[in-house]
Each structure stands twice: as C-alpha cells, then as structure tokens.
Amino acid sequence: MTVKLPRMKEDEIKKLIKEQMLCRIAFKGKNYPYMAPFQYVYMNDTLYFHFTDYGRKMKFLEKDKRVCVEIEKYQPNMSEYNFVVLRGSIEIVNDAHERSRVITKIAEDGKRKLSRNFLAAHGFKKEEGWSALSPEKPLVIAKLTEIVEEIGLKSPSLQ
C-alpha cells in the first residue's frame, strides 16, 4: 500500500515560509534544470531574493522567467519534515523603495542569523560584512510572482 504525505494547511505553509530563510530555486536550463540555493525574505506575502548579476541564473531568466522554489524544514534524523514547492515567475524589482526595503531586510536577517561566510553566495567577501548588502549598490533584487501552484507536504508525524 502506498502512503501519501499529508498536505499542509495554508497557515502551516505561511508559517514555514516565515520561519525559514533559505530556499532552492530551479531554473529552466539549456538542456537540464539548474538549481541554486538562495537566501530569501518574505514581506507582504511575497518572496524576495538577491540575484548576483553574473553566472547562469540571469541568462536562464532572460529566456524563461518561470521557476520552481522549494523551502524545507527537517529534523536531522528525518523524524519530522515538511516542505513547500511554489511554481511561478521571477520578476526584477525596479521600484526603488521596495528594492531598498528588501535589501535592508536581507542584510538584517543575514547579520542576525547567518555566518559572514555566506556573503560569498551574495558575491561579497566575508570581510565586507553584511553592510555590503546596501540599497546604494546596484544589486539585483527579484521577487516570485504569478504563482500557479503551491504545494506543502509534511511528515505523517506532524499531523
């Protein structure tokens, strides 16, 4: 008999997204999907990300803005786990005020919860500190829009 994982309720999905800060984004690559980890912030029911302006991700987005975002939480022994998958599109944030708020929040969250070593994922040296993420810099900020599917599943122990 096949066992299906229980679906998460909407409030459980929102709670997981709010509690976590790292996700994986899958892009439509040339021949294969391409997946990369991202720090995100969740503001006004929207997921925001900082994209470095080099590498494959930007090239893939130029061709197809559709992505799949995965956020998870689990115990090391996998006794409890849950994850959310969101399918939608990535849109670059051009509004200066919105962009500034997002960059500030990414830097604040990073400073509070992450090692400076993680700054390399943002394209900065750890010696620069989290203040390297500054609204005055030409950073690419993006958000998940046009969500067409949201799936949240959890371990049976979380029912």
N, C-alpha and C. Protein backbone atom coordinates (compact mmCIF):
# COMPACT_ATOMS: atom_id res chain seq x y z
N MET A 1 0.84 -1.18 0.00
CA MET A 1 0.00 0.00 0.00
C MET A 1 0.89 1.25 0.00
N THR A 2 0.57 2.18 -0.86
CA THR A 2 1.31 3.43 -0.95
C THR A 2 0.84 4.40 0.13
N VAL A 3 1.78 5.04 0.78
CA VAL A 3 1.46 6.05 1.79
C VAL A 3 1.73 7.42 1.18
N LYS A 4 0.74 8.28 1.21
CA LYS A 4 0.92 9.65 0.71
C LYS A 4 1.20 10.58 1.88
N LEU A 5 2.09 11.52 1.63
CA LEU A 5 2.37 12.52 2.66
C LEU A 5 1.16 13.44 2.83
N PRO A 6 0.86 13.81 4.07
CA PRO A 6 -0.26 14.73 4.30
C PRO A 6 0.05 16.13 3.75
N ARG A 7 -0.97 16.77 3.24
CA ARG A 7 -0.82 18.15 2.76
C ARG A 7 -0.80 19.11 3.94
N MET A 8 -0.04 20.16 3.77
CA MET A 8 -0.01 21.21 4.78
C MET A 8 -1.19 22.15 4.54
N LYS A 9 -1.71 22.72 5.62
CA LYS A 9 -2.75 23.73 5.51
C LYS A 9 -2.09 25.06 5.17
N GLU A 10 -2.89 25.99 4.69
CA GLU A 10 -2.37 27.30 4.27
C GLU A 10 -1.59 28.00 5.39
N ASP A 11 -2.11 27.94 6.62
CA ASP A 11 -1.41 28.59 7.73
C ASP A 11 -0.08 27.90 8.03
N GLU A 12 0.00 26.59 7.82
CA GLU A 12 1.26 25.86 8.03
C GLU A 12 2.29 26.25 6.96
N ILE A 13 1.81 26.44 5.74
CA ILE A 13 2.69 26.85 4.64
C ILE A 13 3.27 28.23 4.94
N LYS A 14 2.41 29.17 5.31
CA LYS A 14 2.87 30.53 5.62
C LYS A 14 3.87 30.52 6.78
N LYS A 15 3.60 29.72 7.80
CA LYS A 15 4.48 29.63 8.96
C LYS A 15 5.86 29.11 8.54
N LEU A 16 5.90 28.07 7.73
CA LEU A 16 7.18 27.53 7.27
C LEU A 16 7.95 28.58 6.48
N ILE A 17 7.28 29.26 5.57
CA ILE A 17 7.94 30.28 4.75
C ILE A 17 8.49 31.40 5.64
N LYS A 18 7.71 31.82 6.64
CA LYS A 18 8.15 32.90 7.54
C LYS A 18 9.33 32.47 8.42
N GLU A 19 9.34 31.22 8.85
CA GLU A 19 10.39 30.74 9.76
C GLU A 19 11.73 30.50 9.08
N GLN A 20 11.71 30.11 7.83
CA GLN A 20 12.95 29.77 7.13
C GLN A 20 13.51 30.99 6.41
N MET A 21 14.72 30.87 5.89
CA MET A 21 15.32 31.98 5.16
C MET A 21 16.17 31.51 3.98
N LEU A 22 16.25 30.19 3.80
CA LEU A 22 16.99 29.64 2.67
C LEU A 22 16.06 28.78 1.84
N CYS A 23 16.24 28.85 0.54
CA CYS A 23 15.42 28.07 -0.37
C CYS A 23 16.29 27.58 -1.52
N ARG A 24 15.68 26.79 -2.36
CA ARG A 24 16.33 26.40 -3.61
C ARG A 24 15.42 26.87 -4.74
N ILE A 25 16.04 27.39 -5.78
CA ILE A 25 15.27 27.81 -6.95
C ILE A 25 15.76 26.99 -8.14
N ALA A 26 14.81 26.36 -8.83
CA ALA A 26 15.12 25.60 -10.04
C ALA A 26 14.74 26.44 -11.24
N PHE A 27 15.69 26.58 -12.15
CA PHE A 27 15.51 27.35 -13.38
C PHE A 27 15.46 26.39 -14.56
N LYS A 28 14.84 26.83 -15.64
CA LYS A 28 14.84 26.03 -16.86
C LYS A 28 16.19 26.27 -17.54
N GLY A 29 17.07 25.29 -17.46
CA GLY A 29 18.39 25.40 -18.06
C GLY A 29 18.35 25.08 -19.54
N LYS A 30 19.51 25.08 -20.14
CA LYS A 30 19.60 24.82 -21.58
C LYS A 30 19.16 23.39 -21.90
N ASN A 31 19.81 22.41 -21.28
CA ASN A 31 19.46 21.01 -21.52
C ASN A 31 18.87 20.33 -20.30
N TYR A 32 19.17 20.87 -19.13
CA TYR A 32 18.71 20.29 -17.87
C TYR A 32 18.28 21.42 -16.94
N PRO A 33 17.43 21.10 -15.97
CA PRO A 33 17.12 22.13 -14.97
C PRO A 33 18.39 22.53 -14.23
N TYR A 34 18.41 23.75 -13.73
CA TYR A 34 19.54 24.25 -12.94
C TYR A 34 18.98 24.73 -11.61
N MET A 35 19.56 24.25 -10.51
CA MET A 35 19.06 24.61 -9.19
C MET A 35 20.16 25.28 -8.38
N ALA A 36 19.78 26.30 -7.62
CA ALA A 36 20.75 27.01 -6.78
C ALA A 36 20.09 27.42 -5.47
N PRO A 37 20.88 27.49 -4.39
CA PRO A 37 20.34 27.94 -3.10
C PRO A 37 20.31 29.47 -3.04
N PHE A 38 19.32 30.00 -2.34
CA PHE A 38 19.17 31.44 -2.18
C PHE A 38 18.72 31.76 -0.76
N GLN A 39 19.22 32.87 -0.24
CA GLN A 39 18.62 33.46 0.95
C GLN A 39 17.41 34.23 0.44
N TYR A 40 16.32 34.19 1.19
CA TYR A 40 15.15 34.96 0.79
C TYR A 40 14.61 35.72 1.99
N VAL A 41 13.79 36.71 1.69
CA VAL A 41 12.99 37.36 2.72
C VAL A 41 11.54 37.30 2.27
N TYR A 42 10.65 37.25 3.25
CA TYR A 42 9.22 37.15 3.00
C TYR A 42 8.57 38.41 3.56
N MET A 43 8.10 39.26 2.66
CA MET A 43 7.49 40.53 3.05
C MET A 43 6.19 40.72 2.28
N ASN A 44 5.14 41.10 2.97
CA ASN A 44 3.85 41.37 2.33
C ASN A 44 3.41 40.20 1.45
N ASP A 45 3.52 38.99 1.99
CA ASP A 45 3.13 37.76 1.29
C ASP A 45 3.88 37.55 -0.03
N THR A 46 5.09 38.07 -0.12
CA THR A 46 5.91 37.93 -1.33
C THR A 46 7.31 37.46 -0.96
N LEU A 47 7.84 36.54 -1.74
CA LEU A 47 9.22 36.08 -1.57
C LEU A 47 10.14 36.95 -2.42
N TYR A 48 11.21 37.44 -1.80
CA TYR A 48 12.20 38.28 -2.48
C TYR A 48 13.58 37.62 -2.38
N PHE A 49 14.39 37.86 -3.41
CA PHE A 49 15.72 37.27 -3.49
C PHE A 49 16.72 38.29 -4.01
N HIS A 50 17.99 38.11 -3.66
CA HIS A 50 19.08 38.88 -4.27
C HIS A 50 19.74 37.98 -5.31
N PHE A 51 19.82 38.46 -6.53
CA PHE A 51 20.48 37.74 -7.61
C PHE A 51 21.80 38.43 -7.92
N THR A 52 22.88 37.67 -7.94
CA THR A 52 24.13 38.26 -8.42
C THR A 52 23.95 38.49 -9.92
N ASP A 53 24.62 39.48 -10.46
CA ASP A 53 24.40 39.82 -11.87
C ASP A 53 25.36 39.09 -12.81
N TYR A 54 25.87 37.97 -12.37
CA TYR A 54 26.75 37.16 -13.21
C TYR A 54 26.28 35.70 -13.13
N GLY A 55 26.83 34.88 -13.98
CA GLY A 55 26.53 33.45 -13.91
C GLY A 55 25.32 33.05 -14.72
N ARG A 56 24.98 31.79 -14.58
CA ARG A 56 23.94 31.16 -15.39
C ARG A 56 22.53 31.66 -15.10
N LYS A 57 22.25 31.95 -13.84
CA LYS A 57 20.87 32.25 -13.45
C LYS A 57 20.26 33.39 -14.27
N MET A 58 21.00 34.46 -14.42
CA MET A 58 20.47 35.60 -15.16
C MET A 58 20.25 35.25 -16.64
N LYS A 59 21.14 34.45 -17.20
CA LYS A 59 20.97 34.02 -18.60
C LYS A 59 19.71 33.16 -18.75
N PHE A 60 19.50 32.27 -17.79
CA PHE A 60 18.30 31.43 -17.85
C PHE A 60 17.04 32.27 -17.72
N LEU A 61 17.06 33.26 -16.84
CA LEU A 61 15.88 34.12 -16.64
C LEU A 61 15.57 34.96 -17.87
N GLU A 62 16.60 35.34 -18.61
CA GLU A 62 16.36 36.11 -19.84
C GLU A 62 15.53 35.31 -20.83
N LYS A 63 15.70 33.99 -20.81
CA LYS A 63 14.99 33.12 -21.76
C LYS A 63 13.65 32.65 -21.23
N ASP A 64 13.57 32.44 -19.92
CA ASP A 64 12.33 31.92 -19.33
C ASP A 64 12.29 32.30 -17.85
N LYS A 65 11.32 33.09 -17.47
CA LYS A 65 11.22 33.59 -16.09
C LYS A 65 10.53 32.61 -15.15
N ARG A 66 10.04 31.49 -15.69
CA ARG A 66 9.35 30.51 -14.85
C ARG A 66 10.36 29.72 -14.02
N VAL A 67 10.04 29.57 -12.74
CA VAL A 67 10.92 28.86 -11.81
C VAL A 67 10.08 28.00 -10.86
N CYS A 68 10.79 27.19 -10.12
CA CYS A 68 10.20 26.40 -9.04
C CYS A 68 11.03 26.68 -7.79
N VAL A 69 10.38 27.12 -6.72
CA VAL A 69 11.05 27.45 -5.46
C VAL A 69 10.67 26.39 -4.43
N GLU A 70 11.68 25.89 -3.71
CA GLU A 70 11.44 24.88 -2.68
C GLU A 70 12.00 25.37 -1.36
N ILE A 71 11.19 25.26 -0.31
CA ILE A 71 11.58 25.65 1.05
C ILE A 71 11.28 24.46 1.95
N GLU A 72 12.21 24.14 2.83
CA GLU A 72 12.03 22.95 3.65
C GLU A 72 12.48 23.17 5.09
N LYS A 73 12.02 22.27 5.93
CA LYS A 73 12.46 22.23 7.33
C LYS A 73 12.43 20.76 7.72
N TYR A 74 13.48 20.31 8.38
CA TYR A 74 13.51 18.90 8.77
C TYR A 74 14.41 18.69 9.98
N GLN A 75 14.14 17.61 10.68
CA GLN A 75 15.00 17.18 11.78
C GLN A 75 16.16 16.38 11.17
N PRO A 76 17.33 16.44 11.77
CA PRO A 76 18.48 15.71 11.20
C PRO A 76 18.22 14.23 10.95
N ASN A 77 17.41 13.59 11.79
CA ASN A 77 17.13 12.17 11.58
C ASN A 77 15.87 11.94 10.73
N MET A 78 15.31 13.00 10.20
CA MET A 78 14.12 12.97 9.34
C MET A 78 12.87 12.44 10.04
N SER A 79 12.83 12.51 11.37
CA SER A 79 11.63 12.09 12.09
C SER A 79 10.48 13.06 11.84
N GLU A 80 10.82 14.30 11.57
CA GLU A 80 9.82 15.31 11.20
C GLU A 80 10.38 16.14 10.06
N TYR A 81 9.53 16.41 9.09
CA TYR A 81 9.95 17.22 7.95
C TYR A 81 8.72 17.81 7.27
N ASN A 82 8.93 18.92 6.62
CA ASN A 82 7.89 19.49 5.77
C ASN A 82 8.56 20.36 4.72
N PHE A 83 7.86 20.51 3.61
CA PHE A 83 8.41 21.33 2.53
C PHE A 83 7.29 21.94 1.71
N VAL A 84 7.63 23.05 1.10
CA VAL A 84 6.71 23.79 0.24
C VAL A 84 7.36 23.96 -1.12
N VAL A 85 6.59 23.76 -2.17
CA VAL A 85 7.04 23.98 -3.53
C VAL A 85 6.12 25.02 -4.16
N LEU A 86 6.72 26.07 -4.70
CA LEU A 86 5.97 27.15 -5.35
C LEU A 86 6.43 27.25 -6.80
N ARG A 87 5.48 27.23 -7.72
CA ARG A 87 5.82 27.42 -9.13
C ARG A 87 5.28 28.78 -9.56
N GLY A 88 6.18 29.57 -10.14
CA GLY A 88 5.78 30.91 -10.55
C GLY A 88 6.82 31.52 -11.45
N SER A 89 6.87 32.83 -11.48
CA SER A 89 7.81 33.56 -12.33
C SER A 89 8.63 34.52 -11.48
N ILE A 90 9.83 34.78 -11.93
CA ILE A 90 10.72 35.74 -11.27
C ILE A 90 10.61 37.07 -11.99
N GLU A 91 10.41 38.12 -11.21
CA GLU A 91 10.32 39.48 -11.75
C GLU A 91 11.36 40.34 -11.04
N ILE A 92 12.12 41.10 -11.80
CA ILE A 92 13.11 42.01 -11.23
C ILE A 92 12.37 43.19 -10.60
N VAL A 93 12.78 43.58 -9.40
CA VAL A 93 12.15 44.71 -8.69
C VAL A 93 12.82 46.00 -9.14
N ASN A 94 12.03 46.90 -9.72
CA ASN A 94 12.54 48.19 -10.19
C ASN A 94 12.16 49.36 -9.29
N ASP A 95 11.13 49.17 -8.47
CA ASP A 95 10.70 50.23 -7.56
C ASP A 95 11.78 50.45 -6.51
N ALA A 96 12.31 51.68 -6.43
CA ALA A 96 13.43 51.99 -5.54
C ALA A 96 13.10 51.77 -4.07
N HIS A 97 11.91 52.15 -3.64
CA HIS A 97 11.52 51.99 -2.23
C HIS A 97 11.40 50.51 -1.87
N GLU A 98 10.71 49.75 -2.71
CA GLU A 98 10.54 48.31 -2.48
C GLU A 98 11.91 47.62 -2.45
N ARG A 99 12.75 47.94 -3.40
CA ARG A 99 14.10 47.38 -3.51
C ARG A 99 14.91 47.67 -2.25
N SER A 100 14.87 48.90 -1.79
CA SER A 100 15.61 49.33 -0.60
C SER A 100 15.16 48.56 0.64
N ARG A 101 13.85 48.41 0.82
CA ARG A 101 13.32 47.68 1.97
C ARG A 101 13.79 46.22 1.96
N VAL A 102 13.78 45.61 0.79
CA VAL A 102 14.18 44.21 0.66
C VAL A 102 15.66 44.04 0.96
N ILE A 103 16.50 44.88 0.39
CA ILE A 103 17.95 44.78 0.63
C ILE A 103 18.25 44.95 2.11
N THR A 104 17.62 45.92 2.74
CA THR A 104 17.83 46.16 4.17
C THR A 104 17.44 44.93 4.99
N LYS A 105 16.31 44.33 4.66
CA LYS A 105 15.84 43.14 5.39
C LYS A 105 16.77 41.94 5.16
N ILE A 106 17.22 41.74 3.94
CA ILE A 106 18.16 40.64 3.66
C ILE A 106 19.42 40.81 4.51
N ALA A 107 19.95 42.02 4.54
CA ALA A 107 21.17 42.29 5.32
C ALA A 107 20.93 42.11 6.81
N GLU A 108 19.80 42.61 7.32
CA GLU A 108 19.49 42.48 8.75
C GLU A 108 19.33 41.01 9.14
N ASP A 109 18.57 40.25 8.34
CA ASP A 109 18.38 38.83 8.64
C ASP A 109 19.70 38.07 8.57
N GLY A 110 20.49 38.37 7.56
CA GLY A 110 21.79 37.71 7.42
C GLY A 110 22.70 37.99 8.60
N LYS A 111 22.75 39.23 9.00
CA LYS A 111 23.61 39.62 10.13
C LYS A 111 23.19 38.91 11.41
N ARG A 112 21.88 38.78 11.61
CA ARG A 112 21.35 38.16 12.81
C ARG A 112 21.48 36.64 12.82
N LYS A 113 21.34 36.00 11.65
CA LYS A 113 21.19 34.54 11.65
C LYS A 113 22.23 33.76 10.86
N LEU A 114 23.02 34.42 10.03
CA LEU A 114 23.93 33.68 9.15
C LEU A 114 25.39 34.07 9.38
N SER A 115 26.27 33.17 9.04
CA SER A 115 27.71 33.42 9.10
C SER A 115 28.10 34.42 8.01
N ARG A 116 29.15 35.16 8.26
CA ARG A 116 29.69 36.05 7.23
C ARG A 116 30.19 35.24 6.03
N ASN A 117 30.52 33.97 6.25
CA ASN A 117 30.97 33.12 5.15
C ASN A 117 29.91 33.01 4.06
N PHE A 118 28.63 33.17 4.44
CA PHE A 118 27.56 33.06 3.46
C PHE A 118 27.52 34.26 2.51
N LEU A 119 28.22 35.32 2.84
CA LEU A 119 28.25 36.50 1.96
C LEU A 119 28.79 36.16 0.57
N ALA A 120 29.61 35.12 0.47
CA ALA A 120 30.12 34.71 -0.85
C ALA A 120 28.97 34.35 -1.78
N ALA A 121 27.88 33.80 -1.24
CA ALA A 121 26.71 33.47 -2.07
C ALA A 121 26.07 34.73 -2.64
N HIS A 122 26.31 35.87 -2.01
CA HIS A 122 25.80 37.15 -2.49
C HIS A 122 26.84 37.89 -3.34
N GLY A 123 28.03 37.29 -3.50
CA GLY A 123 29.07 37.92 -4.30
C GLY A 123 29.99 38.85 -3.53
N PHE A 124 30.01 38.73 -2.20
CA PHE A 124 30.83 39.61 -1.37
C PHE A 124 31.82 38.80 -0.53
N LYS A 125 32.91 39.45 -0.14
CA LYS A 125 33.88 38.84 0.76
C LYS A 125 33.35 38.94 2.18
N LYS A 126 33.66 37.92 3.00
CA LYS A 126 33.16 37.94 4.38
C LYS A 126 33.68 39.14 5.16
N GLU A 127 34.85 39.63 4.78
CA GLU A 127 35.43 40.79 5.48
C GLU A 127 34.60 42.06 5.29
N GLU A 128 33.81 42.09 4.23
CA GLU A 128 32.96 43.26 3.98
C GLU A 128 31.79 43.36 4.95
N GLY A 129 31.41 42.22 5.53
CA GLY A 129 30.29 42.20 6.46
C GLY A 129 28.95 42.36 5.75
N TRP A 130 27.90 42.20 6.52
CA TRP A 130 26.55 42.25 5.94
C TRP A 130 26.16 43.64 5.44
N SER A 131 26.88 44.67 5.86
CA SER A 131 26.58 46.01 5.35
C SER A 131 26.96 46.14 3.87
N ALA A 132 27.66 45.14 3.33
CA ALA A 132 27.97 45.14 1.89
C ALA A 132 26.68 45.09 1.07
N LEU A 133 25.65 44.48 1.65
CA LEU A 133 24.34 44.48 1.00
C LEU A 133 23.68 45.81 1.34
N SER A 134 23.80 46.75 0.44
CA SER A 134 23.34 48.11 0.69
C SER A 134 22.45 48.59 -0.45
N PRO A 135 21.36 49.29 -0.13
CA PRO A 135 20.48 49.82 -1.18
C PRO A 135 21.19 50.76 -2.15
N GLU A 136 22.32 51.33 -1.72
CA GLU A 136 23.06 52.26 -2.59
C GLU A 136 23.82 51.52 -3.70
N LYS A 137 24.00 50.22 -3.54
CA LYS A 137 24.73 49.44 -4.55
C LYS A 137 23.76 48.95 -5.62
N PRO A 138 24.25 48.72 -6.82
CA PRO A 138 23.37 48.27 -7.92
C PRO A 138 23.06 46.77 -7.83
N LEU A 139 22.42 46.36 -6.75
CA LEU A 139 22.10 44.95 -6.54
C LEU A 139 20.82 44.58 -7.27
N VAL A 140 20.78 43.37 -7.79
CA VAL A 140 19.60 42.87 -8.49
C VAL A 140 18.68 42.19 -7.47
N ILE A 141 17.51 42.76 -7.28
CA ILE A 141 16.51 42.19 -6.38
C ILE A 141 15.35 41.69 -7.23
N ALA A 142 14.90 40.48 -6.89
CA ALA A 142 13.83 39.85 -7.66
C ALA A 142 12.76 39.34 -6.70
N LYS A 143 11.58 39.09 -7.26
CA LYS A 143 10.51 38.53 -6.43
C LYS A 143 9.77 37.45 -7.21
N LEU A 144 9.15 36.56 -6.46
CA LEU A 144 8.35 35.50 -7.06
C LEU A 144 6.95 36.04 -7.31
N THR A 145 6.50 35.95 -8.55
CA THR A 145 5.18 36.45 -8.93
C THR A 145 4.43 35.36 -9.70
N GLU A 146 3.21 35.65 -10.04
CA GLU A 146 2.40 34.77 -10.88
C GLU A 146 2.49 33.31 -10.43
N ILE A 147 2.28 33.10 -9.14
CA ILE A 147 2.36 31.74 -8.60
C ILE A 147 1.18 30.93 -9.14
N VAL A 148 1.51 29.84 -9.84
CA VAL A 148 0.48 29.00 -10.44
C VAL A 148 0.21 27.74 -9.62
N GLU A 149 1.15 27.41 -8.74
CA GLU A 149 0.96 26.22 -7.91
C GLU A 149 1.72 26.38 -6.60
N GLU A 150 1.07 25.95 -5.53
CA GLU A 150 1.67 25.97 -4.20
C GLU A 150 1.32 24.64 -3.54
N ILE A 151 2.35 23.86 -3.24
CA ILE A 151 2.13 22.56 -2.62
C ILE A 151 2.94 22.50 -1.34
N GLY A 152 2.32 22.11 -0.26
CA GLY A 152 3.01 21.92 1.01
C GLY A 152 2.73 20.52 1.52
N LEU A 153 3.78 19.76 1.79
CA LEU A 153 3.63 18.40 2.31
C LEU A 153 4.43 18.26 3.59
N LYS A 154 4.00 17.33 4.44
CA LYS A 154 4.67 17.17 5.74
C LYS A 154 4.74 15.69 6.11
N SER A 155 5.58 15.41 7.08
CA SER A 155 5.70 14.03 7.55
C SER A 155 4.42 13.65 8.30
N PRO A 156 4.08 12.36 8.27
CA PRO A 156 2.87 11.93 8.99
C PRO A 156 2.92 12.27 10.48
N SER A 157 4.11 12.38 11.05
CA SER A 157 4.24 12.68 12.48
C SER A 157 3.78 14.10 12.82
N LEU A 158 3.63 14.96 11.81
CA LEU A 158 3.22 16.35 12.04
C LEU A 158 1.72 16.57 11.87
N GLN A 159 0.96 15.50 11.71
CA GLN A 159 -0.49 15.64 11.53
C GLN A 159 -1.17 16.10 12.78
